[in-house]
Protein backbone atom coordinates (compact mmCIF):
# COMPACT_ATOMS: atom_id res chain seq x y z
CA UNK A 1 23.13 19.97 -6.70
CA UNK A 2 20.47 22.60 -5.74
CA UNK A 3 18.05 23.63 -8.67
CA UNK A 4 19.83 26.81 -10.66
CA UNK A 5 17.36 29.97 -11.15
CA UNK A 6 15.53 28.95 -14.23
CA UNK A 7 14.45 25.93 -12.21
CA UNK A 8 10.63 25.62 -11.78
CA UNK A 9 11.25 25.23 -7.67
CA UNK A 10 13.50 27.89 -7.29
CA UNK A 11 10.27 29.83 -5.47
CA UNK A 12 10.41 27.50 -2.32
CA UNK A 13 11.43 29.51 1.04
CA UNK A 14 14.18 26.88 1.32
CA UNK A 15 17.13 25.05 -1.18
CA UNK A 16 16.07 22.03 0.96
CA UNK A 17 13.11 21.82 -0.40
CA UNK A 18 13.45 23.15 -3.91
CA UNK A 19 16.05 20.37 -4.35
CA UNK A 20 13.89 17.54 -3.22
CA UNK A 21 11.13 19.09 -5.38
CA UNK A 22 13.50 19.46 -8.46
CA UNK A 23 14.61 15.51 -7.31
CA UNK A 24 11.36 14.62 -7.23
CA UNK A 25 10.46 15.84 -10.58
CA UNK A 26 12.36 14.27 -12.55
CA UNK A 27 11.91 11.08 -11.22
CA UNK A 28 8.76 11.06 -12.43
CA UNK A 29 9.52 12.19 -15.54
CA UNK A 30 12.18 9.50 -15.85
CA UNK A 31 10.03 6.76 -14.91
CA UNK A 32 7.05 8.37 -17.46
CA UNK A 33 9.36 7.57 -20.45
CA UNK A 34 10.59 4.23 -19.86
CA UNK A 35 8.50 1.35 -21.88
CA UNK A 36 8.25 -0.87 -18.70
CA UNK A 37 8.02 -0.71 -15.21
CA UNK A 38 9.02 -4.28 -15.25
CA UNK A 39 11.93 -5.09 -12.49
CA UNK A 40 14.93 -4.29 -13.65
CA UNK A 41 18.10 -2.11 -12.94
CA UNK A 42 16.52 1.33 -14.15
CA UNK A 43 13.34 0.76 -12.84
CA UNK A 44 14.60 -0.05 -9.43
CA UNK A 45 17.13 2.65 -9.20
CA UNK A 46 14.11 4.92 -10.05
CA UNK A 47 12.20 3.66 -7.43
CA UNK A 48 14.03 3.29 -4.65
CA UNK A 49 15.10 6.88 -5.30
CA UNK A 50 11.73 8.21 -5.14
CA UNK A 51 10.83 5.84 -1.99
CA UNK A 52 14.16 6.95 -0.35
CA UNK A 53 13.12 10.49 -0.73
CA UNK A 54 9.55 10.37 0.32
CA UNK A 55 10.76 8.35 3.81
CA UNK A 56 13.71 10.47 4.74
CA UNK A 57 12.79 14.45 3.88
CA UNK A 58 12.10 16.07 7.61
CA UNK A 59 8.32 17.15 7.54
CA UNK A 60 8.82 21.25 7.11
CA UNK A 61 11.33 20.34 4.05
CA UNK A 62 8.34 17.97 2.89
CA UNK A 63 5.60 20.16 3.66
CA UNK A 64 6.50 22.76 1.69
CA UNK A 65 7.25 20.42 -1.37
CA UNK A 66 4.18 18.79 -0.99
CA UNK A 67 2.53 22.28 -1.50
CA UNK A 68 3.53 23.49 -4.56
CA UNK A 69 2.18 23.67 -7.90
CA UNK A 70 4.68 21.62 -9.62
CA UNK A 71 4.49 18.65 -7.47
CA UNK A 72 0.25 18.77 -7.01
CA UNK A 73 0.40 18.51 -10.52
CA UNK A 74 2.63 15.38 -10.90
CA UNK A 75 0.91 13.11 -8.13
CA UNK A 76 -1.27 11.65 -9.76
CA UNK A 77 1.30 10.82 -12.41
CA UNK A 78 3.13 9.77 -9.80
CA UNK A 79 0.75 7.56 -8.28
CA UNK A 80 -0.04 5.55 -11.47
CA UNK A 81 3.81 5.14 -11.80
CA UNK A 82 3.98 3.74 -8.17
CA UNK A 83 0.87 1.19 -8.41
CA UNK A 84 1.98 -0.38 -12.09
CA UNK A 85 5.66 -0.58 -10.64
CA UNK A 86 4.22 -2.54 -7.12
CA UNK A 87 2.10 -4.54 -9.70
CA UNK A 88 4.92 -5.56 -12.38
CA UNK A 89 7.71 -6.21 -9.05
CA UNK A 90 4.87 -8.63 -7.56
CA UNK A 91 3.53 -9.89 -10.76
CA UNK A 92 7.27 -10.93 -11.58
CA UNK A 93 8.33 -12.07 -7.60
CA UNK A 94 4.66 -14.48 -7.53
CA UNK A 95 6.03 -16.16 -10.78
CA UNK A 96 9.29 -16.73 -9.65
CA UNK A 97 8.61 -18.62 -6.23
CA UNK A 98 5.90 -20.44 -7.48
CA UNK A 99 8.50 -21.62 -10.16
CA UNK A 100 11.44 -22.22 -8.18
CA UNK A 101 12.73 -25.56 -7.13
CA UNK A 102 12.65 -24.43 -3.18
CA UNK A 103 9.64 -21.96 -3.33
CA UNK A 104 10.01 -20.98 0.28
CA UNK A 105 13.26 -20.10 -0.10
CA UNK A 106 12.80 -18.31 -2.84
CA UNK A 107 10.43 -16.09 -1.31
CA UNK A 108 12.96 -15.46 1.85
CA UNK A 109 15.00 -14.10 -1.18
CA UNK A 110 12.05 -11.33 -2.31
CA UNK A 111 14.06 -7.97 -1.21
CA UNK A 112 10.95 -6.27 0.33
CA UNK A 113 9.65 -9.39 2.14
CA UNK A 114 11.08 -7.43 5.56
CA UNK A 115 8.93 -4.29 4.39
CA UNK A 116 6.11 -6.56 4.38
CA UNK A 117 6.75 -8.47 7.15
CA UNK A 118 7.23 -4.91 9.32
CA UNK A 119 3.88 -3.26 8.25
CA UNK A 120 2.01 -6.36 9.05
CA UNK A 121 3.11 -6.87 12.92
CA UNK A 122 2.63 -2.92 12.84
CA UNK A 123 -0.83 -3.46 12.09
CA UNK A 124 -1.24 -6.28 13.71
CA UNK A 125 0.10 -4.42 17.13
CA UNK A 126 -1.93 -1.30 16.33
CA UNK A 127 -5.15 -3.73 16.23
CA UNK A 128 -4.56 -5.77 19.26
CA UNK A 129 -5.10 -3.10 21.12
CA UNK A 130 -8.82 -2.65 20.26
CA UNK A 131 -9.27 -6.72 19.08
CA UNK A 132 -10.36 -7.22 23.50
CA UNK A 133 -9.65 -10.74 24.58
CA UNK A 134 -11.20 -12.53 21.12
CA UNK A 135 -9.14 -12.54 17.60
CA UNK A 136 -10.73 -12.13 14.43
CA UNK A 137 -12.14 -15.74 13.52
CA UNK A 138 -12.31 -14.11 9.79
CA UNK A 139 -10.15 -12.01 8.16
CA UNK A 140 -10.44 -10.65 4.08
CA UNK A 141 -7.32 -8.29 2.51
CA UNK A 142 -9.22 -6.20 -0.61
CA UNK A 143 -6.83 -6.06 -2.96
CA UNK A 144 -4.32 -8.96 -2.31
CA UNK A 145 -2.03 -8.74 -5.48
CA UNK A 146 -0.61 -11.05 -7.16
CA UNK A 147 1.88 -11.64 -3.97
CA UNK A 148 -0.45 -12.51 -0.68
CA UNK A 149 2.00 -11.62 1.52
CA UNK A 150 -0.59 -9.13 3.86
CA UNK A 151 -3.28 -12.05 3.80
CA UNK A 152 -1.11 -14.40 4.98
CA UNK A 153 0.94 -12.57 7.04
CA UNK A 154 -2.63 -11.94 8.53
CA UNK A 155 -3.39 -15.65 8.48
CA UNK A 156 -0.22 -16.52 10.22
CA UNK A 157 -0.32 -13.66 12.54
CA UNK A 158 -3.89 -14.10 13.92
CA UNK A 159 -4.10 -17.56 13.83
CA UNK A 160 -6.93 -17.62 11.73
CA UNK A 161 -8.03 -17.96 8.56
CA UNK A 162 -7.29 -15.33 6.03
CA UNK A 163 -9.25 -14.05 2.35
CA UNK A 164 -7.47 -12.45 -0.27
CA UNK A 165 -9.95 -10.49 -2.67
CA UNK A 166 -8.49 -9.01 -5.82
CA UNK A 167 -10.57 -7.93 -9.71
CA UNK A 168 -7.77 -8.95 -11.62
CA UNK A 169 -7.98 -12.63 -12.55
CA UNK A 170 -4.21 -12.63 -13.48
CA UNK A 171 -2.83 -11.52 -9.58
CA UNK A 172 -5.80 -14.09 -8.47
CA UNK A 173 -4.41 -16.98 -10.79
CA UNK A 174 -0.67 -15.75 -9.44
CA UNK A 175 -1.58 -15.49 -5.95
CA UNK A 176 -3.21 -19.00 -6.26
CA UNK A 177 -0.08 -20.53 -7.50
CA UNK A 178 2.25 -19.20 -5.41
CA UNK A 179 0.18 -20.24 -2.43
CA UNK A 180 0.21 -24.21 -3.71
CA UNK A 181 3.70 -23.64 -4.07
CA UNK A 182 4.77 -22.95 -0.68
CA UNK A 183 2.01 -25.35 0.80
CA UNK A 184 0.47 -22.28 2.83
CA UNK A 185 -3.38 -23.66 3.25
CA UNK A 186 -4.18 -20.65 5.55
CA UNK A 187 -4.92 -18.54 2.68
CA UNK A 188 -7.06 -18.23 0.29
CA UNK A 189 -7.69 -16.20 -3.15
CA UNK A 190 -10.98 -15.35 -4.74
CA UNK A 191 -11.22 -13.20 -7.82
CA UNK A 192 -13.87 -10.48 -7.35
CA UNK A 193 -14.17 -6.63 -6.67
CA UNK A 194 -13.23 -4.68 -3.68
CA UNK A 195 -16.39 -2.67 -4.54
CA UNK A 196 -18.86 -5.71 -4.20
CA UNK A 197 -17.75 -8.49 -2.78
CA UNK A 198 -19.83 -9.42 0.52
CA UNK A 199 -18.63 -8.41 3.68
CA UNK A 200 -20.73 -9.66 6.73
CA UNK A 201 -19.33 -12.84 7.40
CA UNK A 202 -15.87 -10.75 8.30
CA UNK A 203 -14.81 -9.62 11.62
CA UNK A 204 -11.43 -7.87 10.55
CA UNK A 205 -11.59 -6.16 6.92
CA UNK A 206 -8.13 -5.47 5.53
CA UNK A 207 -8.07 -2.15 2.55
CA UNK A 208 -5.02 -2.72 0.91
CA UNK A 209 -3.33 1.01 -0.24
CA UNK A 210 -4.07 0.53 -4.04
CA UNK A 211 -7.94 -0.05 -3.92
CA UNK A 212 -9.19 3.38 -5.03
CA UNK A 213 -5.43 5.25 -6.08
CA UNK A 214 -7.45 8.67 -5.93
CA UNK A 215 -8.68 10.95 -3.01
CA UNK A 216 -12.28 10.39 -4.26
CA UNK A 217 -12.43 6.71 -5.12
CA UNK A 218 -11.06 5.97 -1.64
CA UNK A 219 -13.26 7.87 -0.46
CA UNK A 220 -16.04 6.29 -2.25
CA UNK A 221 -14.67 3.05 -1.27
CA UNK A 222 -15.01 3.70 2.27
CA UNK A 223 -18.44 4.71 1.76
CA UNK A 224 -19.28 1.42 0.10
CA UNK A 225 -17.66 -0.53 2.72
CA UNK A 226 -19.73 0.80 5.71
CA UNK A 227 -22.53 -0.09 3.84
CA UNK A 228 -21.71 -4.11 3.47
CA UNK A 229 -19.89 -4.67 6.66
CA UNK A 230 -21.24 -5.52 9.28
CA UNK A 231 -21.95 -3.62 12.58
CA UNK A 232 -18.82 -3.80 15.19
CA UNK A 233 -16.35 -5.56 12.79
CA UNK A 234 -12.89 -3.82 12.39
CA UNK A 235 -11.44 -1.74 9.07
CA UNK A 236 -7.80 -1.80 8.85
CA UNK A 237 -7.51 1.49 6.21
CA UNK A 238 -4.02 1.25 4.43
CA UNK A 239 -3.07 5.52 4.11
CA UNK A 240 -0.12 7.38 3.96
CA UNK A 241 0.85 10.96 4.95
CA UNK A 242 3.15 14.18 4.23
CA UNK A 243 5.30 13.17 1.18
CA UNK A 244 4.56 9.34 1.35
CA UNK A 245 0.57 10.43 0.18
CA UNK A 246 2.82 11.14 -3.05
CA UNK A 247 3.01 7.64 -3.67
CA UNK A 248 -0.61 6.53 -2.26
CA UNK A 249 -3.57 8.48 -1.18
CA UNK A 250 -3.97 10.21 2.24
CA UNK A 251 -7.60 9.04 3.96
CA UNK A 252 -8.62 11.78 5.90
CA UNK A 253 -10.54 10.11 8.78
CA UNK A 254 -13.08 12.59 9.13
CA UNK A 255 -14.19 11.28 5.70
CA UNK A 256 -15.07 7.49 7.52
CA UNK A 257 -18.87 7.80 7.55
CA UNK A 258 -20.27 4.93 9.41
CA UNK A 259 -16.93 3.89 11.29
CA UNK A 260 -15.83 4.43 14.87
CA UNK A 261 -11.55 5.61 14.05
CA UNK A 262 -10.17 4.28 17.00
CA UNK A 263 -6.19 4.51 16.18
CA UNK A 264 -4.22 6.25 12.94
CA UNK A 265 -0.84 5.60 13.13
CA UNK A 266 2.18 7.51 10.58
CA UNK A 267 4.85 4.90 11.19
CA UNK A 268 8.76 6.63 10.36
CA UNK A 269 11.55 4.63 8.89
CA UNK A 270 10.91 2.42 5.37
CA UNK A 271 7.53 1.95 5.95
CA UNK A 272 5.06 4.06 3.85
CA UNK A 273 2.06 3.19 4.45
CA UNK A 274 -0.07 4.86 7.74
CA UNK A 275 -2.61 2.58 8.93
CA UNK A 276 -5.96 3.79 10.43
CA UNK A 277 -8.21 1.51 12.74
CA UNK A 278 -11.96 2.01 13.17
CA UNK A 279 -14.69 -0.10 13.73
CA UNK A 280 -18.05 0.10 11.60
CA UNK A 281 -20.59 1.30 13.61
């Protein structure tokens, strides 16, 4: 339904843009009003509608919507909601899998398992253009969370050991329980802060989208990584583009001081995160 004349978005150039903006504003306000962002019918429905909106809105319409002051004013709130909702979802499923009689089968029931697999597969395809003949011998995922599917995906995909890092002790404990339950020896999870963990030993550093939830924090994190990574090591940084940047901050490659940016990919379809491959110079 198009917005009426009293809508805060009636000034947008197209009715489609006004409709999308009105929907995103409503979804943000409805999510804010919920007492909890733990998985449930209302939370699942609202977040699904947010994801569907940001991934299916055409580019020209998306640019109008993203530039509108009414949406710009909600960006920080929507990113915070998205981050908290994602953490709640991963924690719920991590505990559920670890407690199951058949943890591996239960992990297969995670509704977004294919999304995680597809994202890691796309990242590995991008990375292999720049790896040369030797695969990384050591990989670290900064911000692995309680459901460390990125870390396990890299360990399996590259046939190497992966280390997941998270600053939240509850997330670390949950991730360790899941790895023990699924008998996955190729990944270990450590409690540390992405802003300070030593990185010289790693050939590949993966920066999760939720490490640095504002543009300022993301730029500061990238500078910190450049100070701690060894020359020649690769960085895979998850970013966002277009309306997807309402959920995660977009990384401007020009701000990646200390890195040679090798590749940038903005995916289509259900995948939300963009990906940037860079080499520490």
